[in-house]
Amino acid sequence: MKNWKLSNEVDIYVFEIAFSDSDERLNFIKKLLEYYNTYITEIKNIVSKIPKNRNHSLFFKAKSWHEKILKGPKSGALMSVQCLEQAIEDLKNDFIVDNKEE
């Protein structure tokens, strides 16, 4: 199992332990998803301010900084967003199934 898959599985398990009530869990995951989406938006905002002109004195330093520093956290946040969106979808499906059974 890849590290990110294991991490996602642990996250889902921990959400279930920390929030035994499905509504609380769903609300927390939605807030966490909002956080990660805001995080990604801010990284995109930072990237938009990086010099694009090769003649700019900071172009190569900024490009290197972007590659070494920003790409990792952005990728991690994007993966977290995908995991959280799937968790929300699964919880909503569980609500639908539970309501049909009642």
PDB file of N, CA and C in Angstrom:
ATOM      1  N   MET A   1       0.854  -1.179   0.000  1.00  0.00           N
ATOM      2  CA  MET A   1       0.000   0.000   0.000  1.00  0.00           C
ATOM      3  C   MET A   1       0.897   1.238   0.000  1.00  0.00           C
ATOM      4  N   LYS A   2       0.559   2.176  -0.837  1.00  0.00           N
ATOM      5  CA  LYS A   2       1.353   3.404  -0.910  1.00  0.00           C
ATOM      6  C   LYS A   2       1.113   4.253   0.335  1.00  0.00           C
ATOM      7  N   ASN A   3       2.092   5.094   0.658  1.00  0.00           N
ATOM      8  CA  ASN A   3       2.007   5.925   1.865  1.00  0.00           C
ATOM      9  C   ASN A   3       0.758   6.791   1.879  1.00  0.00           C
ATOM     10  N   TRP A   4       0.437   7.419   0.743  1.00  0.00           N
ATOM     11  CA  TRP A   4      -0.712   8.320   0.718  1.00  0.00           C
ATOM     12  C   TRP A   4      -2.017   7.546   0.896  1.00  0.00           C
ATOM     13  N   LYS A   5      -2.083   6.322   0.370  1.00  0.00           N
ATOM     14  CA  LYS A   5      -3.293   5.515   0.551  1.00  0.00           C
ATOM     15  C   LYS A   5      -3.464   5.130   2.011  1.00  0.00           C
ATOM     16  N   LEU A   6      -2.367   4.731   2.623  1.00  0.00           N
ATOM     17  CA  LEU A   6      -2.402   4.380   4.040  1.00  0.00           C
ATOM     18  C   LEU A   6      -2.802   5.589   4.876  1.00  0.00           C
ATOM     19  N   SER A   7      -2.239   6.730   4.557  1.00  0.00           N
ATOM     20  CA  SER A   7      -2.565   7.968   5.272  1.00  0.00           C
ATOM     21  C   SER A   7      -4.050   8.293   5.144  1.00  0.00           C
ATOM     22  N   ASN A   8      -4.606   8.139   3.954  1.00  0.00           N
ATOM     23  CA  ASN A   8      -6.033   8.402   3.746  1.00  0.00           C
ATOM     24  C   ASN A   8      -6.896   7.437   4.549  1.00  0.00           C
ATOM     25  N   GLU A   9      -6.516   6.168   4.562  1.00  0.00           N
ATOM     26  CA  GLU A   9      -7.266   5.170   5.332  1.00  0.00           C
ATOM     27  C   GLU A   9      -7.226   5.493   6.825  1.00  0.00           C
ATOM     28  N   VAL A  10      -6.061   5.883   7.310  1.00  0.00           N
ATOM     29  CA  VAL A  10      -5.923   6.251   8.725  1.00  0.00           C
ATOM     30  C   VAL A  10      -6.783   7.473   9.028  1.00  0.00           C
ATOM     31  N   ASP A  11      -6.768   8.467   8.131  1.00  0.00           N
ATOM     32  CA  ASP A  11      -7.595   9.662   8.331  1.00  0.00           C
ATOM     33  C   ASP A  11      -9.065   9.291   8.492  1.00  0.00           C
ATOM     34  N   ILE A  12      -9.576   8.467   7.598  1.00  0.00           N
ATOM     35  CA  ILE A  12     -10.987   8.072   7.656  1.00  0.00           C
ATOM     36  C   ILE A  12     -11.279   7.333   8.965  1.00  0.00           C
ATOM     37  N   TYR A  13     -10.383   6.453   9.353  1.00  0.00           N
ATOM     38  CA  TYR A  13     -10.542   5.709  10.607  1.00  0.00           C
ATOM     39  C   TYR A  13     -10.549   6.653  11.809  1.00  0.00           C
ATOM     40  N   VAL A  14      -9.638   7.608  11.809  1.00  0.00           N
ATOM     41  CA  VAL A  14      -9.547   8.565  12.920  1.00  0.00           C
ATOM     42  C   VAL A  14     -10.788   9.455  12.968  1.00  0.00           C
ATOM     43  N   PHE A  15     -11.308   9.859  11.802  1.00  0.00           N
ATOM     44  CA  PHE A  15     -12.542  10.651  11.783  1.00  0.00           C
ATOM     45  C   PHE A  15     -13.665   9.882  12.465  1.00  0.00           C
ATOM     46  N   GLU A  16     -13.749   8.584  12.194  1.00  0.00           N
ATOM     47  CA  GLU A  16     -14.796   7.757  12.792  1.00  0.00           C
ATOM     48  C   GLU A  16     -14.636   7.656  14.303  1.00  0.00           C
ATOM     49  N   ILE A  17     -13.400   7.589  14.775  1.00  0.00           N
ATOM     50  CA  ILE A  17     -13.152   7.518  16.219  1.00  0.00           C
ATOM     51  C   ILE A  17     -13.430   8.868  16.879  1.00  0.00           C
ATOM     52  N   ALA A  18     -12.921   9.929  16.290  1.00  0.00           N
ATOM     53  CA  ALA A  18     -13.052  11.260  16.885  1.00  0.00           C
ATOM     54  C   ALA A  18     -14.489  11.773  16.839  1.00  0.00           C
ATOM     55  N   PHE A  19     -15.214  11.423  15.789  1.00  0.00           N
ATOM     56  CA  PHE A  19     -16.585  11.904  15.613  1.00  0.00           C
ATOM     57  C   PHE A  19     -17.487  10.701  15.366  1.00  0.00           C
ATOM     58  N   SER A  20     -17.954  10.106  16.442  1.00  0.00           N
ATOM     59  CA  SER A  20     -18.803   8.920  16.293  1.00  0.00           C
ATOM     60  C   SER A  20     -20.149   9.278  15.664  1.00  0.00           C
ATOM     61  N   ASP A  21     -20.597  10.517  15.883  1.00  0.00           N
ATOM     62  CA  ASP A  21     -21.832  10.980  15.261  1.00  0.00           C
ATOM     63  C   ASP A  21     -21.551  11.355  13.804  1.00  0.00           C
ATOM     64  N   SER A  22     -22.302  10.775  12.896  1.00  0.00           N
ATOM     65  CA  SER A  22     -22.067  10.992  11.460  1.00  0.00           C
ATOM     66  C   SER A  22     -22.230  12.450  11.048  1.00  0.00           C
ATOM     67  N   ASP A  23     -23.199  13.146  11.656  1.00  0.00           N
ATOM     68  CA  ASP A  23     -23.405  14.557  11.311  1.00  0.00           C
ATOM     69  C   ASP A  23     -22.205  15.405  11.716  1.00  0.00           C
ATOM     70  N   GLU A  24     -21.690  15.161  12.910  1.00  0.00           N
ATOM     71  CA  GLU A  24     -20.500  15.898  13.362  1.00  0.00           C
ATOM     72  C   GLU A  24     -19.307  15.597  12.457  1.00  0.00           C
ATOM     73  N   ARG A  25     -19.158  14.328  12.105  1.00  0.00           N
ATOM     74  CA  ARG A  25     -18.054  13.926  11.238  1.00  0.00           C
ATOM     75  C   ARG A  25     -18.164  14.617   9.884  1.00  0.00           C
ATOM     76  N   LEU A  26     -19.367  14.626   9.321  1.00  0.00           N
ATOM     77  CA  LEU A  26     -19.581  15.261   8.023  1.00  0.00           C
ATOM     78  C   LEU A  26     -19.276  16.754   8.093  1.00  0.00           C
ATOM     79  N   ASN A  27     -19.739  17.421   9.148  1.00  0.00           N
ATOM     80  CA  ASN A  27     -19.475  18.857   9.298  1.00  0.00           C
ATOM     81  C   ASN A  27     -17.983  19.135   9.434  1.00  0.00           C
ATOM     82  N   PHE A  28     -17.288  18.318  10.214  1.00  0.00           N
ATOM     83  CA  PHE A  28     -15.848  18.510  10.372  1.00  0.00           C
ATOM     84  C   PHE A  28     -15.121  18.311   9.047  1.00  0.00           C
ATOM     85  N   ILE A  29     -15.470  17.251   8.331  1.00  0.00           N
ATOM     86  CA  ILE A  29     -14.801  16.974   7.055  1.00  0.00           C
ATOM     87  C   ILE A  29     -15.070  18.096   6.058  1.00  0.00           C
ATOM     88  N   LYS A  30     -16.290  18.633   6.059  1.00  0.00           N
ATOM     89  CA  LYS A  30     -16.594  19.755   5.161  1.00  0.00           C
ATOM     90  C   LYS A  30     -15.746  20.977   5.499  1.00  0.00           C
ATOM     91  N   LYS A  31     -15.578  21.257   6.785  1.00  0.00           N
ATOM     92  CA  LYS A  31     -14.734  22.394   7.202  1.00  0.00           C
ATOM     93  C   LYS A  31     -13.277  22.152   6.820  1.00  0.00           C
ATOM     94  N   LEU A  32     -12.817  20.934   7.006  1.00  0.00           N
ATOM     95  CA  LEU A  32     -11.444  20.591   6.638  1.00  0.00           C
ATOM     96  C   LEU A  32     -11.249  20.706   5.125  1.00  0.00           C
ATOM     97  N   LEU A  33     -12.243  20.292   4.366  1.00  0.00           N
ATOM     98  CA  LEU A  33     -12.195  20.433   2.911  1.00  0.00           C
ATOM     99  C   LEU A  33     -12.128  21.906   2.520  1.00  0.00           C
ATOM    100  N   GLU A  34     -12.917  22.723   3.200  1.00  0.00           N
ATOM    101  CA  GLU A  34     -12.884  24.169   2.945  1.00  0.00           C
ATOM    102  C   GLU A  34     -11.492  24.733   3.232  1.00  0.00           C
ATOM    103  N   TYR A  35     -10.872  24.276   4.319  1.00  0.00           N
ATOM    104  CA  TYR A  35      -9.518  24.708   4.664  1.00  0.00           C
ATOM    105  C   TYR A  35      -8.539  24.362   3.544  1.00  0.00           C
ATOM    106  N   TYR A  36      -8.558  23.104   3.094  1.00  0.00           N
ATOM    107  CA  TYR A  36      -7.609  22.689   2.052  1.00  0.00           C
ATOM    108  C   TYR A  36      -7.859  23.408   0.730  1.00  0.00           C
ATOM    109  N   ASN A  37      -9.121  23.650   0.397  1.00  0.00           N
ATOM    110  CA  ASN A  37      -9.408  24.403  -0.829  1.00  0.00           C
ATOM    111  C   ASN A  37      -8.886  25.832  -0.728  1.00  0.00           C
ATOM    112  N   THR A  38      -9.015  26.445   0.437  1.00  0.00           N
ATOM    113  CA  THR A  38      -8.476  27.787   0.654  1.00  0.00           C
ATOM    114  C   THR A  38      -6.960  27.764   0.590  1.00  0.00           C
ATOM    115  N   TYR A  39      -6.349  26.736   1.139  1.00  0.00           N
ATOM    116  CA  TYR A  39      -4.897  26.547   1.109  1.00  0.00           C
ATOM    117  C   TYR A  39      -4.402  26.489  -0.338  1.00  0.00           C
ATOM    118  N   ILE A  40      -5.083  25.692  -1.160  1.00  0.00           N
ATOM    119  CA  ILE A  40      -4.709  25.561  -2.569  1.00  0.00           C
ATOM    120  C   ILE A  40      -4.887  26.887  -3.296  1.00  0.00           C
ATOM    121  N   THR A  41      -5.967  27.585  -3.010  1.00  0.00           N
ATOM    122  CA  THR A  41      -6.206  28.889  -3.632  1.00  0.00           C
ATOM    123  C   THR A  41      -5.095  29.863  -3.286  1.00  0.00           C
ATOM    124  N   GLU A  42      -4.651  29.842  -2.045  1.00  0.00           N
ATOM    125  CA  GLU A  42      -3.578  30.751  -1.626  1.00  0.00           C
ATOM    126  C   GLU A  42      -2.258  30.400  -2.310  1.00  0.00           C
ATOM    127  N   ILE A  43      -1.970  29.121  -2.449  1.00  0.00           N
ATOM    128  CA  ILE A  43      -0.752  28.725  -3.161  1.00  0.00           C
ATOM    129  C   ILE A  43      -0.827  29.186  -4.615  1.00  0.00           C
ATOM    130  N   LYS A  44      -1.987  29.032  -5.246  1.00  0.00           N
ATOM    131  CA  LYS A  44      -2.154  29.506  -6.626  1.00  0.00           C
ATOM    132  C   LYS A  44      -1.956  31.011  -6.700  1.00  0.00           C
ATOM    133  N   ASN A  45      -2.429  31.728  -5.686  1.00  0.00           N
ATOM    134  CA  ASN A  45      -2.250  33.178  -5.629  1.00  0.00           C
ATOM    135  C   ASN A  45      -0.765  33.529  -5.548  1.00  0.00           C
ATOM    136  N   ILE A  46      -0.028  32.802  -4.722  1.00  0.00           N
ATOM    137  CA  ILE A  46       1.414  33.028  -4.592  1.00  0.00           C
ATOM    138  C   ILE A  46       2.108  32.737  -5.919  1.00  0.00           C
ATOM    139  N   VAL A  47       1.751  31.624  -6.543  1.00  0.00           N
ATOM    140  CA  VAL A  47       2.372  31.237  -7.816  1.00  0.00           C
ATOM    141  C   VAL A  47       2.093  32.283  -8.892  1.00  0.00           C
ATOM    142  N   SER A  48       0.915  32.878  -8.855  1.00  0.00           N
ATOM    143  CA  SER A  48       0.581  33.888  -9.872  1.00  0.00           C
ATOM    144  C   SER A  48       1.458  35.130  -9.757  1.00  0.00           C
ATOM    145  N   LYS A  49       2.062  35.331  -8.591  1.00  0.00           N
ATOM    146  CA  LYS A  49       2.913  36.505  -8.384  1.00  0.00           C
ATOM    147  C   LYS A  49       4.384  36.230  -8.689  1.00  0.00           C
ATOM    148  N   ILE A  50       4.714  34.973  -8.978  1.00  0.00           N
ATOM    149  CA  ILE A  50       6.096  34.620  -9.311  1.00  0.00           C
ATOM    150  C   ILE A  50       6.415  35.171 -10.698  1.00  0.00           C
ATOM    151  N   PRO A  51       7.599  35.762 -10.857  1.00  0.00           N
ATOM    152  CA  PRO A  51       7.963  36.318 -12.169  1.00  0.00           C
ATOM    153  C   PRO A  51       7.912  35.256 -13.272  1.00  0.00           C
ATOM    154  N   LYS A  52       7.309  35.620 -14.396  1.00  0.00           N
ATOM    155  CA  LYS A  52       7.201  34.711 -15.538  1.00  0.00           C
ATOM    156  C   LYS A  52       8.222  35.049 -16.626  1.00  0.00           C
ATOM    157  N   ASN A  53       8.748  36.247 -16.571  1.00  0.00           N
ATOM    158  CA  ASN A  53       9.703  36.725 -17.573  1.00  0.00           C
ATOM    159  C   ASN A  53      11.100  36.220 -17.229  1.00  0.00           C
ATOM    160  N   ARG A  54      11.706  35.493 -18.147  1.00  0.00           N
ATOM    161  CA  ARG A  54      13.044  34.937 -17.919  1.00  0.00           C
ATOM    162  C   ARG A  54      14.084  36.031 -17.687  1.00  0.00           C
ATOM    163  N   ASN A  55      13.815  37.236 -18.140  1.00  0.00           N
ATOM    164  CA  ASN A  55      14.767  38.340 -17.969  1.00  0.00           C
ATOM    165  C   ASN A  55      14.671  38.990 -16.593  1.00  0.00           C
ATOM    166  N   HIS A  56      13.633  38.658 -15.848  1.00  0.00           N
ATOM    167  CA  HIS A  56      13.470  39.221 -14.507  1.00  0.00           C
ATOM    168  C   HIS A  56      14.593  38.689 -13.616  1.00  0.00           C
ATOM    169  N   SER A  57      15.128  39.543 -12.774  1.00  0.00           N
ATOM    170  CA  SER A  57      16.287  39.166 -11.951  1.00  0.00           C
ATOM    171  C   SER A  57      15.998  38.006 -10.986  1.00  0.00           C
ATOM    172  N   LEU A  58      14.759  37.837 -10.596  1.00  0.00           N
ATOM    173  CA  LEU A  58      14.413  36.780  -9.641  1.00  0.00           C
ATOM    174  C   LEU A  58      13.766  35.551 -10.286  1.00  0.00           C
ATOM    175  N   PHE A  59      13.694  35.537 -11.610  1.00  0.00           N
ATOM    176  CA  PHE A  59      12.989  34.454 -12.298  1.00  0.00           C
ATOM    177  C   PHE A  59      13.509  33.075 -11.895  1.00  0.00           C
ATOM    178  N   PHE A  60      14.802  32.848 -11.988  1.00  0.00           N
ATOM    179  CA  PHE A  60      15.357  31.518 -11.740  1.00  0.00           C
ATOM    180  C   PHE A  60      15.292  31.127 -10.261  1.00  0.00           C
ATOM    181  N   LYS A  61      15.484  32.099  -9.373  1.00  0.00           N
ATOM    182  CA  LYS A  61      15.342  31.804  -7.942  1.00  0.00           C
ATOM    183  C   LYS A  61      13.889  31.458  -7.616  1.00  0.00           C
ATOM    184  N   ALA A  62      12.974  32.225  -8.184  1.00  0.00           N
ATOM    185  CA  ALA A  62      11.554  31.990  -7.935  1.00  0.00           C
ATOM    186  C   ALA A  62      11.121  30.641  -8.508  1.00  0.00           C
ATOM    187  N   LYS A  63      11.612  30.318  -9.687  1.00  0.00           N
ATOM    188  CA  LYS A  63      11.263  29.035 -10.306  1.00  0.00           C
ATOM    189  C   LYS A  63      11.777  27.877  -9.447  1.00  0.00           C
ATOM    190  N   SER A  64      12.998  27.998  -8.985  1.00  0.00           N
ATOM    191  CA  SER A  64      13.584  26.967  -8.130  1.00  0.00           C
ATOM    192  C   SER A  64      12.805  26.846  -6.824  1.00  0.00           C
ATOM    193  N   TRP A  65      12.457  27.978  -6.219  1.00  0.00           N
ATOM    194  CA  TRP A  65      11.687  27.988  -4.974  1.00  0.00           C
ATOM    195  C   TRP A  65      10.326  27.330  -5.187  1.00  0.00           C
ATOM    196  N   HIS A  66       9.701  27.650  -6.306  1.00  0.00           N
ATOM    197  CA  HIS A  66       8.405  27.062  -6.627  1.00  0.00           C
ATOM    198  C   HIS A  66       8.517  25.546  -6.745  1.00  0.00           C
ATOM    199  N   GLU A  67       9.535  25.081  -7.462  1.00  0.00           N
ATOM    200  CA  GLU A  67       9.725  23.642  -7.664  1.00  0.00           C
ATOM    201  C   GLU A  67      10.055  22.917  -6.353  1.00  0.00           C
ATOM    202  N   LYS A  68      10.918  23.510  -5.535  1.00  0.00           N
ATOM    203  CA  LYS A  68      11.406  22.835  -4.329  1.00  0.00           C
ATOM    204  C   LYS A  68      10.481  22.996  -3.128  1.00  0.00           C
ATOM    205  N   ILE A  69       9.823  24.140  -3.022  1.00  0.00           N
ATOM    206  CA  ILE A  69       9.066  24.454  -1.808  1.00  0.00           C
ATOM    207  C   ILE A  69       7.553  24.324  -1.992  1.00  0.00           C
ATOM    208  N   LEU A  70       6.999  24.904  -3.035  1.00  0.00           N
ATOM    209  CA  LEU A  70       5.542  24.983  -3.154  1.00  0.00           C
ATOM    210  C   LEU A  70       4.873  23.743  -3.734  1.00  0.00           C
ATOM    211  N   LYS A  71       5.544  23.040  -4.598  1.00  0.00           N
ATOM    212  CA  LYS A  71       4.886  21.920  -5.281  1.00  0.00           C
ATOM    213  C   LYS A  71       4.481  20.797  -4.330  1.00  0.00           C
ATOM    214  N   GLY A  72       5.315  20.479  -3.358  1.00  0.00           N
ATOM    215  CA  GLY A  72       4.997  19.397  -2.422  1.00  0.00           C
ATOM    216  C   GLY A  72       3.743  19.659  -1.610  1.00  0.00           C
ATOM    217  N   PRO A  73       3.677  20.797  -0.908  1.00  0.00           N
ATOM    218  CA  PRO A  73       2.469  21.083  -0.129  1.00  0.00           C
ATOM    219  C   PRO A  73       1.207  21.181  -0.990  1.00  0.00           C
ATOM    220  N   LYS A  74       1.350  21.743  -2.191  1.00  0.00           N
ATOM    221  CA  LYS A  74       0.184  21.852  -3.067  1.00  0.00           C
ATOM    222  C   LYS A  74      -0.297  20.463  -3.468  1.00  0.00           C
ATOM    223  N   SER A  75       0.622  19.584  -3.831  1.00  0.00           N
ATOM    224  CA  SER A  75       0.250  18.214  -4.209  1.00  0.00           C
ATOM    225  C   SER A  75      -0.409  17.487  -3.040  1.00  0.00           C
ATOM    226  N   GLY A  76       0.152  17.659  -1.851  1.00  0.00           N
ATOM    227  CA  GLY A  76      -0.431  17.042  -0.663  1.00  0.00           C
ATOM    228  C   GLY A  76      -1.837  17.542  -0.392  1.00  0.00           C
ATOM    229  N   ALA A  77      -2.028  18.841  -0.540  1.00  0.00           N
ATOM    230  CA  ALA A  77      -3.349  19.424  -0.314  1.00  0.00           C
ATOM    231  C   ALA A  77      -4.346  18.927  -1.358  1.00  0.00           C
ATOM    232  N   LEU A  78      -3.906  18.819  -2.611  1.00  0.00           N
ATOM    233  CA  LEU A  78      -4.793  18.315  -3.663  1.00  0.00           C
ATOM    234  C   LEU A  78      -5.212  16.871  -3.380  1.00  0.00           C
ATOM    235  N   MET A  79      -4.278  16.072  -2.905  1.00  0.00           N
ATOM    236  CA  MET A  79      -4.605  14.687  -2.566  1.00  0.00           C
ATOM    237  C   MET A  79      -5.557  14.632  -1.371  1.00  0.00           C
ATOM    238  N   SER A  80      -5.360  15.517  -0.407  1.00  0.00           N
ATOM    239  CA  SER A  80      -6.261  15.574   0.749  1.00  0.00           C
ATOM    240  C   SER A  80      -7.664  15.964   0.320  1.00  0.00           C
ATOM    241  N   VAL A  81      -7.754  16.905  -0.612  1.00  0.00           N
ATOM    242  CA  VAL A  81      -9.058  17.331  -1.119  1.00  0.00           C
ATOM    243  C   VAL A  81      -9.779  16.146  -1.755  1.00  0.00           C
ATOM    244  N   GLN A  82      -9.070  15.381  -2.568  1.00  0.00           N
ATOM    245  CA  GLN A  82      -9.689  14.215  -3.204  1.00  0.00           C
ATOM    246  C   GLN A  82     -10.175  13.212  -2.162  1.00  0.00           C
ATOM    247  N   CYS A  83      -9.365  12.963  -1.159  1.00  0.00           N
ATOM    248  CA  CYS A  83      -9.735  12.021  -0.098  1.00  0.00           C
ATOM    249  C   CYS A  83     -10.959  12.520   0.665  1.00  0.00           C
ATOM    250  N   LEU A  84     -10.964  13.804   1.011  1.00  0.00           N
ATOM    251  CA  LEU A  84     -12.078  14.363   1.776  1.00  0.00           C
ATOM    252  C   LEU A  84     -13.359  14.387   0.954  1.00  0.00           C
ATOM    253  N   GLU A  85     -13.247  14.704  -0.336  1.00  0.00           N
ATOM    254  CA  GLU A  85     -14.434  14.688  -1.189  1.00  0.00           C
ATOM    255  C   GLU A  85     -15.026  13.284  -1.255  1.00  0.00           C
ATOM    256  N   GLN A  86     -14.155  12.283  -1.337  1.00  0.00           N
ATOM    257  CA  GLN A  86     -14.629  10.895  -1.353  1.00  0.00           C
ATOM    258  C   GLN A  86     -15.268  10.529  -0.016  1.00  0.00           C
ATOM    259  N   ALA A  87     -14.680  10.984   1.082  1.00  0.00           N
ATOM    260  CA  ALA A  87     -15.237  10.705   2.407  1.00  0.00           C
ATOM    261  C   ALA A  87     -16.615  11.341   2.556  1.00  0.00           C
ATOM    262  N   ILE A  88     -16.773  12.558   2.062  1.00  0.00           N
ATOM    263  CA  ILE A  88     -18.076  13.239   2.117  1.00  0.00           C
ATOM    264  C   ILE A  88     -19.100  12.469   1.290  1.00  0.00           C
ATOM    265  N   GLU A  89     -18.699  12.065   0.100  1.00  0.00           N
ATOM    266  CA  GLU A  89     -19.597  11.301  -0.768  1.00  0.00           C
ATOM    267  C   GLU A  89     -20.011   9.989  -0.101  1.00  0.00           C
ATOM    268  N   ASP A  90     -19.061   9.306   0.515  1.00  0.00           N
ATOM    269  CA  ASP A  90     -19.363   8.047   1.205  1.00  0.00           C
ATOM    270  C   ASP A  90     -20.328   8.268   2.368  1.00  0.00           C
ATOM    271  N   LEU A  91     -20.105   9.336   3.141  1.00  0.00           N
ATOM    272  CA  LEU A  91     -21.009   9.631   4.262  1.00  0.00           C
ATOM    273  C   LEU A  91     -22.413   9.957   3.766  1.00  0.00           C
ATOM    274  N   LYS A  92     -22.503  10.727   2.690  1.00  0.00           N
ATOM    275  CA  LYS A  92     -23.822  11.054   2.132  1.00  0.00           C
ATOM    276  C   LYS A  92     -24.526   9.789   1.651  1.00  0.00           C
ATOM    277  N   ASN A  93     -23.776   8.900   1.011  1.00  0.00           N
ATOM    278  CA  ASN A  93     -24.366   7.630   0.563  1.00  0.00           C
ATOM    279  C   ASN A  93     -24.821   6.791   1.750  1.00  0.00           C
ATOM    280  N   ASP A  94     -24.053   6.808   2.834  1.00  0.00           N
ATOM    281  CA  ASP A  94     -24.448   6.086   4.047  1.00  0.00           C
ATOM    282  C   ASP A  94     -25.743   6.656   4.619  1.00  0.00           C
ATOM    283  N   PHE A  95     -25.888   7.999   4.585  1.00  0.00           N
ATOM    284  CA  PHE A  95     -27.122   8.628   5.065  1.00  0.00           C
ATOM    285  C   PHE A  95     -28.307   8.165   4.226  1.00  0.00           C
ATOM    286  N   ILE A  96     -28.118   8.111   2.921  1.00  0.00           N
ATOM    287  CA  ILE A  96     -29.201   7.698   2.027  1.00  0.00           C
ATOM    288  C   ILE A  96     -29.601   6.255   2.316  1.00  0.00           C
ATOM    289  N   VAL A  97     -28.619   5.389   2.464  1.00  0.00           N
ATOM    290  CA  VAL A  97     -28.892   3.974   2.755  1.00  0.00           C
ATOM    291  C   VAL A  97     -29.584   3.836   4.108  1.00  0.00           C
ATOM    292  N   ASP A  98     -29.098   4.558   5.116  1.00  0.00           N
ATOM    293  CA  ASP A  98     -29.708   4.490   6.446  1.00  0.00           C
ATOM    294  C   ASP A  98     -31.148   4.976   6.420  1.00  0.00           C
ATOM    295  N   ASN A  99     -31.422   6.048   5.682  1.00  0.00           N
ATOM    296  CA  ASN A  99     -32.781   6.586   5.604  1.00  0.00           C
ATOM    297  C   ASN A  99     -33.716   5.633   4.863  1.00  0.00           C
ATOM    298  N   LYS A 100     -33.215   4.928   3.856  1.00  0.00           N
ATOM    299  CA  LYS A 100     -34.047   3.976   3.122  1.00  0.00           C
ATOM    300  C   LYS A 100     -34.385   2.762   3.981  1.00  0.00           C
ATOM    301  N   GLU A 101     -33.457   2.380   4.847  1.00  0.00           N
ATOM    302  CA  GLU A 101     -33.687   1.220   5.713  1.00  0.00           C
ATOM    303  C   GLU A 101     -34.719   1.524   6.787  1.00  0.00           C
ATOM    304  N   GLU A 102     -34.839   2.782   7.168  1.00  0.00           N
ATOM    305  CA  GLU A 102     -35.784   3.155   8.239  1.00  0.00           C
ATOM    306  C   GLU A 102     -37.136   3.342   7.697  1.00  0.00           C
TER     307      GLU A 102
END
